[in-house]
Amino acid sequence: MYFAIPDARQTLDRLMAVESTFDGTTQPIRQWVSEHRAKIKENRNLIENESPANDIPVLNMFLRDLLVRAIKGEMGSRVYEELLSTIKSKEDLHETNYREALKNANYRWGVDNGSKVISDVVHHVQSVLHWNWRVYIERAENEKETNFQSDPMLSIKNISFKLRDLALSNFSPHYAAFDLHVTRVLTRLGWLNYGFPFLGNTDLEMGNNPGNDKNYLFLHRLFDSLSDMTEGNYTPVDIDRILWHLGKSVCGARSRCGACPIGGGCPTGKHRTTDD
């Protein structure tokens, strides 16, 4: 059977008008993408304007995402709120506060486990990074093609590519944290096929399972390539956001292909709308 793979730029352009709901707010995907772009710019200003006053806000953003294991939706927001109210300065960086914040947030993975992650990250930031967030982000940008595999933070127990990239996505448009909502849409579009040129790299393995390191590295490289196909009009983080919102709103486990603006141009949508 022959099928055409949808053009990346045209497809993303058409998806920007889709309405998506998150955290009680419904708006076009275009607006979600625009807001995240603005947030990255705002967060980068914190890093570029090096100041001890900015160190803790950046740290709390990293901790929020590095603790995201076993958290869903509002629970993640609750942990962040507790971190902000408990860790306001470097003098607040001690285990009693970590445990208090996690306990107050009803952290579902367990206070002991969460506190250990916070302690290890804080130690790394103090002893290895020396609070130099700017150099850390610059290094991540310089090694974006290989997904910054040399990052020492990845040696901390329970910090995976996905969680580290989720944290980096607040500061860089090149790091996206892929989940099943995204990879499901990617597969249905046939865009995995754009990754065939990468298969000579033994670090990668074509697949759509973000829980598999080789699949994850493949997806990172694929999103870089998709961004290049749009001539940089959409960054890897933009593409991740667009597909995530589409996966939550229209292209879920039970897809609504008839409601999708690219239904007829998508290999899966074309098949399903033909059968309907």
C-alpha atoms as a PDB file:
ATOM      1  CA  MET A   1       0.000   0.000   0.000  1.00  0.00           C
ATOM      2  CA  TYR A   2       1.312   3.462  -0.883  1.00  0.00           C
ATOM      3  CA  PHE A   3       0.629   6.502   1.264  1.00  0.00           C
ATOM      4  CA  ALA A   4       2.050   9.999   1.306  1.00  0.00           C
ATOM      5  CA  ILE A   5       3.653  11.344   4.468  1.00  0.00           C
ATOM      6  CA  PRO A   6       2.169  14.775   5.324  1.00  0.00           C
ATOM      7  CA  ASP A   7       4.433  17.780   4.874  1.00  0.00           C
ATOM      8  CA  ALA A   8       5.675  18.959   8.282  1.00  0.00           C
ATOM      9  CA  ARG A   9       5.321  22.728   7.776  1.00  0.00           C
ATOM     10  CA  GLN A  10       1.890  22.602   6.168  1.00  0.00           C
ATOM     11  CA  THR A  11       0.572  20.154   8.743  1.00  0.00           C
ATOM     12  CA  LEU A  12       1.770  22.184  11.728  1.00  0.00           C
ATOM     13  CA  ASP A  13       0.350  25.383  10.212  1.00  0.00           C
ATOM     14  CA  ARG A  14      -3.083  23.770   9.970  1.00  0.00           C
ATOM     15  CA  LEU A  15      -2.988  22.357  13.495  1.00  0.00           C
ATOM     16  CA  MET A  16      -2.359  25.730  15.128  1.00  0.00           C
ATOM     17  CA  ALA A  17      -6.077  26.604  15.030  1.00  0.00           C
ATOM     18  CA  VAL A  18      -7.222  23.478  16.905  1.00  0.00           C
ATOM     19  CA  GLU A  19      -8.802  24.248  20.277  1.00  0.00           C
ATOM     20  CA  SER A  20      -7.228  22.512  23.252  1.00  0.00           C
ATOM     21  CA  THR A  21      -8.091  22.534  26.952  1.00  0.00           C
ATOM     22  CA  PHE A  22      -5.492  22.379  29.709  1.00  0.00           C
ATOM     23  CA  ASP A  23      -5.806  23.205  33.402  1.00  0.00           C
ATOM     24  CA  GLY A  24      -9.292  24.612  32.873  1.00  0.00           C
ATOM     25  CA  THR A  25      -8.355  26.915  29.973  1.00  0.00           C
ATOM     26  CA  THR A  26      -9.479  26.348  26.375  1.00  0.00           C
ATOM     27  CA  GLN A  27      -7.717  28.165  23.546  1.00  0.00           C
ATOM     28  CA  PRO A  28      -6.172  27.509  20.128  1.00  0.00           C
ATOM     29  CA  ILE A  29      -2.912  25.566  20.053  1.00  0.00           C
ATOM     30  CA  ARG A  30      -1.383  28.691  18.500  1.00  0.00           C
ATOM     31  CA  GLN A  31      -1.885  30.488  21.801  1.00  0.00           C
ATOM     32  CA  TRP A  32      -0.414  27.644  23.869  1.00  0.00           C
ATOM     33  CA  VAL A  33       2.688  27.685  21.680  1.00  0.00           C
ATOM     34  CA  SER A  34       2.986  31.475  21.839  1.00  0.00           C
ATOM     35  CA  GLU A  35       2.728  31.466  25.626  1.00  0.00           C
ATOM     36  CA  HIS A  36       5.441  28.852  26.004  1.00  0.00           C
ATOM     37  CA  ARG A  37       7.757  30.728  23.646  1.00  0.00           C
ATOM     38  CA  ALA A  38       7.287  33.828  25.812  1.00  0.00           C
ATOM     39  CA  LYS A  39       7.959  31.792  28.946  1.00  0.00           C
ATOM     40  CA  ILE A  40      11.241  30.469  27.535  1.00  0.00           C
ATOM     41  CA  LYS A  41      12.314  34.026  26.739  1.00  0.00           C
ATOM     42  CA  GLU A  42      11.400  35.170  30.244  1.00  0.00           C
ATOM     43  CA  ASN A  43      13.274  32.264  31.840  1.00  0.00           C
ATOM     44  CA  ARG A  44      16.335  32.828  29.678  1.00  0.00           C
ATOM     45  CA  ASN A  45      16.451  36.405  30.934  1.00  0.00           C
ATOM     46  CA  LEU A  46      16.724  35.025  34.481  1.00  0.00           C
ATOM     47  CA  ILE A  47      19.793  33.066  33.418  1.00  0.00           C
ATOM     48  CA  GLU A  48      21.409  35.733  31.261  1.00  0.00           C
ATOM     49  CA  ASN A  49      21.045  38.348  34.010  1.00  0.00           C
ATOM     50  CA  GLU A  50      23.274  36.447  36.399  1.00  0.00           C
ATOM     51  CA  SER A  51      22.334  37.245  39.952  1.00  0.00           C
ATOM     52  CA  PRO A  52      22.114  35.288  43.215  1.00  0.00           C
ATOM     53  CA  ALA A  53      18.497  36.459  43.383  1.00  0.00           C
ATOM     54  CA  ASN A  54      17.724  34.432  40.241  1.00  0.00           C
ATOM     55  CA  ASP A  55      19.398  31.210  41.366  1.00  0.00           C
ATOM     56  CA  ILE A  56      16.538  29.915  43.529  1.00  0.00           C
ATOM     57  CA  PRO A  57      13.716  30.643  41.013  1.00  0.00           C
ATOM     58  CA  VAL A  58      15.663  28.687  38.372  1.00  0.00           C
ATOM     59  CA  LEU A  59      16.355  25.861  40.814  1.00  0.00           C
ATOM     60  CA  ASN A  60      12.678  25.586  41.763  1.00  0.00           C
ATOM     61  CA  MET A  61      11.693  25.301  38.105  1.00  0.00           C
ATOM     62  CA  PHE A  62      14.189  22.489  37.648  1.00  0.00           C
ATOM     63  CA  LEU A  63      13.045  20.713  40.814  1.00  0.00           C
ATOM     64  CA  ARG A  64       9.394  20.962  39.791  1.00  0.00           C
ATOM     65  CA  ASP A  65      10.064  19.034  36.600  1.00  0.00           C
ATOM     66  CA  LEU A  66      12.697  16.653  37.949  1.00  0.00           C
ATOM     67  CA  LEU A  67      10.118  15.568  40.547  1.00  0.00           C
ATOM     68  CA  VAL A  68       7.397  15.033  37.970  1.00  0.00           C
ATOM     69  CA  ARG A  69       7.536  11.250  38.253  1.00  0.00           C
ATOM     70  CA  ALA A  70       4.191   9.961  39.541  1.00  0.00           C
ATOM     71  CA  ILE A  71       2.648  13.431  39.347  1.00  0.00           C
ATOM     72  CA  LYS A  72      -0.281  14.352  37.147  1.00  0.00           C
ATOM     73  CA  GLY A  73      -1.761  17.740  36.348  1.00  0.00           C
ATOM     74  CA  GLU A  74      -2.738  19.704  39.415  1.00  0.00           C
ATOM     75  CA  MET A  75      -0.475  17.584  41.638  1.00  0.00           C
ATOM     76  CA  GLY A  76       2.560  18.924  39.787  1.00  0.00           C
ATOM     77  CA  SER A  77       1.329  22.476  40.310  1.00  0.00           C
ATOM     78  CA  ARG A  78       0.853  21.793  44.006  1.00  0.00           C
ATOM     79  CA  VAL A  79       4.446  20.589  44.400  1.00  0.00           C
ATOM     80  CA  TYR A  80       5.713  23.719  42.650  1.00  0.00           C
ATOM     81  CA  GLU A  81       3.588  25.971  44.854  1.00  0.00           C
ATOM     82  CA  GLU A  82       5.000  24.294  47.954  1.00  0.00           C
ATOM     83  CA  LEU A  83       8.560  24.616  46.669  1.00  0.00           C
ATOM     84  CA  LEU A  84       8.038  28.329  46.033  1.00  0.00           C
ATOM     85  CA  SER A  85       6.627  28.917  49.503  1.00  0.00           C
ATOM     86  CA  THR A  86       9.259  26.809  51.289  1.00  0.00           C
ATOM     87  CA  ILE A  87      12.500  27.401  49.348  1.00  0.00           C
ATOM     88  CA  LYS A  88      12.876  31.157  48.983  1.00  0.00           C
ATOM     89  CA  SER A  89      16.613  31.543  49.512  1.00  0.00           C
ATOM     90  CA  LYS A  90      19.764  29.452  49.690  1.00  0.00           C
ATOM     91  CA  GLU A  91      19.419  29.416  53.469  1.00  0.00           C
ATOM     92  CA  ASP A  92      16.253  27.353  53.000  1.00  0.00           C
ATOM     93  CA  LEU A  93      18.114  24.529  51.259  1.00  0.00           C
ATOM     94  CA  HIS A  94      17.983  21.781  53.858  1.00  0.00           C
ATOM     95  CA  GLU A  95      16.214  18.452  54.127  1.00  0.00           C
ATOM     96  CA  THR A  96      13.638  19.554  56.672  1.00  0.00           C
ATOM     97  CA  ASN A  97      12.225  22.019  54.156  1.00  0.00           C
ATOM     98  CA  TYR A  98      12.341  19.524  51.302  1.00  0.00           C
ATOM     99  CA  ARG A  99      10.322  17.031  53.322  1.00  0.00           C
ATOM    100  CA  GLU A 100       7.869  19.674  54.489  1.00  0.00           C
ATOM    101  CA  ALA A 101       7.192  20.868  50.931  1.00  0.00           C
ATOM    102  CA  LEU A 102       6.657  17.332  49.634  1.00  0.00           C
ATOM    103  CA  LYS A 103       4.474  16.342  52.574  1.00  0.00           C
ATOM    104  CA  ASN A 104       2.272  19.427  52.194  1.00  0.00           C
ATOM    105  CA  ALA A 105       1.932  18.676  48.478  1.00  0.00           C
ATOM    106  CA  ASN A 106       0.967  15.032  49.124  1.00  0.00           C
ATOM    107  CA  TYR A 107       3.779  13.968  46.827  1.00  0.00           C
ATOM    108  CA  ARG A 108       2.615  10.597  45.552  1.00  0.00           C
ATOM    109  CA  TRP A 109       6.032   9.069  44.934  1.00  0.00           C
ATOM    110  CA  GLY A 110       6.896   9.404  48.610  1.00  0.00           C
ATOM    111  CA  VAL A 111       8.564  12.049  50.739  1.00  0.00           C
ATOM    112  CA  ASP A 112      11.749   9.973  51.216  1.00  0.00           C
ATOM    113  CA  ASN A 113      12.279   9.443  47.487  1.00  0.00           C
ATOM    114  CA  GLY A 114      11.416  13.016  46.565  1.00  0.00           C
ATOM    115  CA  SER A 115      13.635  14.488  49.265  1.00  0.00           C
ATOM    116  CA  LYS A 116      16.558  12.390  48.028  1.00  0.00           C
ATOM    117  CA  VAL A 117      16.122  13.753  44.485  1.00  0.00           C
ATOM    118  CA  ILE A 118      16.029  17.335  45.768  1.00  0.00           C
ATOM    119  CA  SER A 119      19.117  16.803  47.954  1.00  0.00           C
ATOM    120  CA  ASP A 120      21.092  15.260  45.087  1.00  0.00           C
ATOM    121  CA  VAL A 121      20.101  18.005  42.643  1.00  0.00           C
ATOM    122  CA  VAL A 122      20.959  20.774  45.115  1.00  0.00           C
ATOM    123  CA  HIS A 123      24.329  19.157  45.813  1.00  0.00           C
ATOM    124  CA  HIS A 124      25.005  18.959  42.077  1.00  0.00           C
ATOM    125  CA  VAL A 125      24.033  22.583  41.498  1.00  0.00           C
ATOM    126  CA  GLN A 126      26.216  23.758  44.366  1.00  0.00           C
ATOM    127  CA  SER A 127      29.255  21.512  43.906  1.00  0.00           C
ATOM    128  CA  VAL A 128      29.371  20.886  40.138  1.00  0.00           C
ATOM    129  CA  LEU A 129      27.565  23.807  38.503  1.00  0.00           C
ATOM    130  CA  HIS A 130      28.534  26.298  41.208  1.00  0.00           C
ATOM    131  CA  TRP A 131      25.192  27.969  40.529  1.00  0.00           C
ATOM    132  CA  ASN A 132      26.313  28.865  37.011  1.00  0.00           C
ATOM    133  CA  TRP A 133      23.047  28.218  35.194  1.00  0.00           C
ATOM    134  CA  ARG A 134      24.147  30.197  32.126  1.00  0.00           C
ATOM    135  CA  VAL A 135      27.112  27.905  31.424  1.00  0.00           C
ATOM    136  CA  TYR A 136      24.927  24.841  31.974  1.00  0.00           C
ATOM    137  CA  ILE A 137      22.303  25.998  29.460  1.00  0.00           C
ATOM    138  CA  GLU A 138      24.985  27.036  26.966  1.00  0.00           C
ATOM    139  CA  ARG A 139      26.508  23.581  27.185  1.00  0.00           C
ATOM    140  CA  ALA A 140      23.088  22.012  26.648  1.00  0.00           C
ATOM    141  CA  GLU A 141      22.586  24.162  23.552  1.00  0.00           C
ATOM    142  CA  ASN A 142      26.020  23.243  22.198  1.00  0.00           C
ATOM    143  CA  GLU A 143      25.288  19.529  22.632  1.00  0.00           C
ATOM    144  CA  LYS A 144      21.659  19.586  21.541  1.00  0.00           C
ATOM    145  CA  GLU A 145      22.241  17.302  18.541  1.00  0.00           C
ATOM    146  CA  THR A 146      23.188  14.407  20.848  1.00  0.00           C
ATOM    147  CA  ASN A 147      20.616  15.362  23.524  1.00  0.00           C
ATOM    148  CA  PHE A 148      23.368  16.452  25.927  1.00  0.00           C
ATOM    149  CA  GLN A 149      24.196  12.879  26.887  1.00  0.00           C
ATOM    150  CA  SER A 150      27.299  14.065  28.769  1.00  0.00           C
ATOM    151  CA  ASP A 151      25.158  15.994  31.273  1.00  0.00           C
ATOM    152  CA  PRO A 152      26.340  14.966  34.786  1.00  0.00           C
ATOM    153  CA  MET A 153      22.825  15.591  36.079  1.00  0.00           C
ATOM    154  CA  LEU A 154      21.745  12.412  34.291  1.00  0.00           C
ATOM    155  CA  SER A 155      23.889  10.435  36.741  1.00  0.00           C
ATOM    156  CA  ILE A 156      21.535  11.362  39.584  1.00  0.00           C
ATOM    157  CA  LYS A 157      19.267   8.459  40.455  1.00  0.00           C
ATOM    158  CA  ASN A 158      15.755   8.675  38.974  1.00  0.00           C
ATOM    159  CA  ILE A 159      16.602  11.537  36.588  1.00  0.00           C
ATOM    160  CA  SER A 160      15.997  10.332  33.058  1.00  0.00           C
ATOM    161  CA  PHE A 161      16.371  12.008  29.668  1.00  0.00           C
ATOM    162  CA  LYS A 162      12.670  12.813  29.767  1.00  0.00           C
ATOM    163  CA  LEU A 163      12.660  14.572  33.138  1.00  0.00           C
ATOM    164  CA  ARG A 164      15.886  16.433  32.430  1.00  0.00           C
ATOM    165  CA  ASP A 165      14.527  17.533  29.045  1.00  0.00           C
ATOM    166  CA  LEU A 166      11.245  18.591  30.643  1.00  0.00           C
ATOM    167  CA  ALA A 167      13.264  20.894  32.905  1.00  0.00           C
ATOM    168  CA  LEU A 168      15.396  22.159  30.003  1.00  0.00           C
ATOM    169  CA  SER A 169      12.282  22.872  27.908  1.00  0.00           C
ATOM    170  CA  ASN A 170      11.644  25.862  30.185  1.00  0.00           C
ATOM    171  CA  PHE A 171      14.898  27.440  28.999  1.00  0.00           C
ATOM    172  CA  SER A 172      15.632  25.998  25.555  1.00  0.00           C
ATOM    173  CA  PRO A 173      13.472  25.489  22.456  1.00  0.00           C
ATOM    174  CA  HIS A 174      15.570  22.445  21.505  1.00  0.00           C
ATOM    175  CA  TYR A 175      14.648  20.062  24.332  1.00  0.00           C
ATOM    176  CA  ALA A 176      11.222  18.437  24.450  1.00  0.00           C
ATOM    177  CA  ALA A 177      10.041  15.751  26.871  1.00  0.00           C
ATOM    178  CA  PHE A 178       8.194  13.220  24.743  1.00  0.00           C
ATOM    179  CA  ASP A 179       5.223  11.303  26.111  1.00  0.00           C
ATOM    180  CA  LEU A 180       2.724   8.844  24.694  1.00  0.00           C
ATOM    181  CA  HIS A 181       0.265  11.576  23.631  1.00  0.00           C
ATOM    182  CA  VAL A 182       2.979  12.955  21.353  1.00  0.00           C
ATOM    183  CA  THR A 183       4.390   9.703  20.008  1.00  0.00           C
ATOM    184  CA  ARG A 184       0.911   8.357  19.271  1.00  0.00           C
ATOM    185  CA  VAL A 185       0.181  11.352  17.025  1.00  0.00           C
ATOM    186  CA  LEU A 186       3.660  11.172  15.489  1.00  0.00           C
ATOM    187  CA  THR A 187       3.090   7.526  14.559  1.00  0.00           C
ATOM    188  CA  ARG A 188      -0.373   8.123  13.118  1.00  0.00           C
ATOM    189  CA  LEU A 189       0.996  10.912  10.931  1.00  0.00           C
ATOM    190  CA  GLY A 190       3.655   8.573   9.576  1.00  0.00           C
ATOM    191  CA  TRP A 191       6.394  10.980  10.670  1.00  0.00           C
ATOM    192  CA  LEU A 192       8.507   8.219  12.211  1.00  0.00           C
ATOM    193  CA  ASN A 193       9.452   7.438   8.617  1.00  0.00           C
ATOM    194  CA  TYR A 194      11.351  10.709   8.420  1.00  0.00           C
ATOM    195  CA  GLY A 195      13.836   9.096  10.799  1.00  0.00           C
ATOM    196  CA  PHE A 196      15.179   6.426   8.459  1.00  0.00           C
ATOM    197  CA  PRO A 197      18.344   8.489   7.663  1.00  0.00           C
ATOM    198  CA  PHE A 198      19.406   8.228  11.329  1.00  0.00           C
ATOM    199  CA  LEU A 199      19.441   4.449  11.556  1.00  0.00           C
ATOM    200  CA  GLY A 200      23.184   4.158  10.986  1.00  0.00           C
ATOM    201  CA  ASN A 201      23.724   5.670  14.441  1.00  0.00           C
ATOM    202  CA  THR A 202      24.041   2.830  16.962  1.00  0.00           C
ATOM    203  CA  ASP A 203      22.972   5.139  19.827  1.00  0.00           C
ATOM    204  CA  LEU A 204      19.531   5.350  18.241  1.00  0.00           C
ATOM    205  CA  GLU A 205      16.774   2.898  17.539  1.00  0.00           C
ATOM    206  CA  MET A 206      13.670   3.759  15.524  1.00  0.00           C
ATOM    207  CA  GLY A 207      10.638   3.496  17.760  1.00  0.00           C
ATOM    208  CA  ASN A 208       7.956   5.473  19.530  1.00  0.00           C
ATOM    209  CA  ASN A 209       8.504   4.392  23.144  1.00  0.00           C
ATOM    210  CA  PRO A 210       9.847   7.375  25.129  1.00  0.00           C
ATOM    211  CA  GLY A 211      10.610   5.015  28.014  1.00  0.00           C
ATOM    212  CA  ASN A 212      13.323   3.346  25.940  1.00  0.00           C
ATOM    213  CA  ASP A 213      16.565   5.362  25.877  1.00  0.00           C
ATOM    214  CA  LYS A 214      17.456   4.485  22.289  1.00  0.00           C
ATOM    215  CA  ASN A 215      13.921   5.299  21.118  1.00  0.00           C
ATOM    216  CA  TYR A 216      14.040   8.530  23.094  1.00  0.00           C
ATOM    217  CA  LEU A 217      17.305   9.628  21.468  1.00  0.00           C
ATOM    218  CA  PHE A 218      15.818   8.747  18.082  1.00  0.00           C
ATOM    219  CA  LEU A 219      12.788  10.934  18.825  1.00  0.00           C
ATOM    220  CA  HIS A 220      15.034  13.825  19.885  1.00  0.00           C
ATOM    221  CA  ARG A 221      16.931  13.634  16.609  1.00  0.00           C
ATOM    222  CA  LEU A 222      13.692  13.269  14.651  1.00  0.00           C
ATOM    223  CA  PHE A 223      12.190  16.419  16.182  1.00  0.00           C
ATOM    224  CA  ASP A 224      15.341  18.343  15.289  1.00  0.00           C
ATOM    225  CA  SER A 225      14.904  17.149  11.716  1.00  0.00           C
ATOM    226  CA  LEU A 226      11.201  18.056  11.640  1.00  0.00           C
ATOM    227  CA  SER A 227      12.126  21.543  12.850  1.00  0.00           C
ATOM    228  CA  ASP A 228      14.658  21.838  10.018  1.00  0.00           C
ATOM    229  CA  MET A 229      11.934  20.835   7.554  1.00  0.00           C
ATOM    230  CA  THR A 230       9.959  23.896   8.658  1.00  0.00           C
ATOM    231  CA  GLU A 231      13.059  26.069   8.103  1.00  0.00           C
ATOM    232  CA  GLY A 232      13.084  26.843  11.816  1.00  0.00           C
ATOM    233  CA  ASN A 233       9.568  28.254  11.889  1.00  0.00           C
ATOM    234  CA  TYR A 234       8.740  25.600  14.470  1.00  0.00           C
ATOM    235  CA  THR A 235      11.251  24.522  17.103  1.00  0.00           C
ATOM    236  CA  PRO A 236      11.360  20.987  18.542  1.00  0.00           C
ATOM    237  CA  VAL A 237       9.531  22.279  21.635  1.00  0.00           C
ATOM    238  CA  ASP A 238       6.881  23.959  19.447  1.00  0.00           C
ATOM    239  CA  ILE A 239       6.303  20.692  17.593  1.00  0.00           C
ATOM    240  CA  ASP A 240       6.095  18.747  20.832  1.00  0.00           C
ATOM    241  CA  ARG A 241       3.526  21.204  22.221  1.00  0.00           C
ATOM    242  CA  ILE A 242       1.430  21.109  19.055  1.00  0.00           C
ATOM    243  CA  LEU A 243       1.321  17.318  18.915  1.00  0.00           C
ATOM    244  CA  TRP A 244       0.708  17.059  22.672  1.00  0.00           C
ATOM    245  CA  HIS A 245      -2.302  19.367  22.513  1.00  0.00           C
ATOM    246  CA  LEU A 246      -3.608  17.596  19.422  1.00  0.00           C
ATOM    247  CA  GLY A 247      -3.234  14.278  21.244  1.00  0.00           C
ATOM    248  CA  LYS A 248      -5.157  15.609  24.231  1.00  0.00           C
ATOM    249  CA  SER A 249      -7.930  17.264  22.245  1.00  0.00           C
ATOM    250  CA  VAL A 250      -8.585  15.374  19.003  1.00  0.00           C
ATOM    251  CA  CYS A 251      -6.074  12.587  18.384  1.00  0.00           C
ATOM    252  CA  GLY A 252      -6.465  10.694  21.657  1.00  0.00           C
ATOM    253  CA  ALA A 253      -6.540   6.967  22.294  1.00  0.00           C
ATOM    254  CA  ARG A 254      -9.870   7.062  20.463  1.00  0.00           C
ATOM    255  CA  SER A 255      -9.185   9.559  17.719  1.00  0.00           C
ATOM    256  CA  ARG A 256     -11.793  11.919  16.270  1.00  0.00           C
ATOM    257  CA  CYS A 257     -10.409  12.072  12.747  1.00  0.00           C
ATOM    258  CA  GLY A 258     -13.512  13.802  11.418  1.00  0.00           C
ATOM    259  CA  ALA A 259     -12.824  16.758  13.707  1.00  0.00           C
ATOM    260  CA  CYS A 260      -9.149  17.047  12.737  1.00  0.00           C
ATOM    261  CA  PRO A 261      -8.173  19.713  10.174  1.00  0.00           C
ATOM    262  CA  ILE A 262      -5.674  17.338   8.561  1.00  0.00           C
ATOM    263  CA  GLY A 263      -7.838  14.186   8.691  1.00  0.00           C
ATOM    264  CA  GLY A 264      -7.771  13.558   4.950  1.00  0.00           C
ATOM    265  CA  GLY A 265      -4.061  14.301   4.675  1.00  0.00           C
ATOM    266  CA  CYS A 266      -3.031  12.000   7.508  1.00  0.00           C
ATOM    267  CA  PRO A 267      -2.416   8.322   6.634  1.00  0.00           C
ATOM    268  CA  THR A 268      -4.403   7.171   9.654  1.00  0.00           C
ATOM    269  CA  GLY A 269      -7.113   9.806   9.298  1.00  0.00           C
ATOM    270  CA  LYS A 270      -7.541   9.072   5.604  1.00  0.00           C
ATOM    271  CA  HIS A 271      -8.037   5.378   6.321  1.00  0.00           C
ATOM    272  CA  ARG A 272     -10.470   5.958   9.174  1.00  0.00           C
ATOM    273  CA  THR A 273     -12.542   8.645   7.479  1.00  0.00           C
ATOM    274  CA  THR A 274     -12.753   6.428   4.400  1.00  0.00           C
ATOM    275  CA  ASP A 275     -14.030   3.566   6.514  1.00  0.00           C
ATOM    276  CA  ASP A 276     -16.570   5.726   8.403  1.00  0.00           C
END
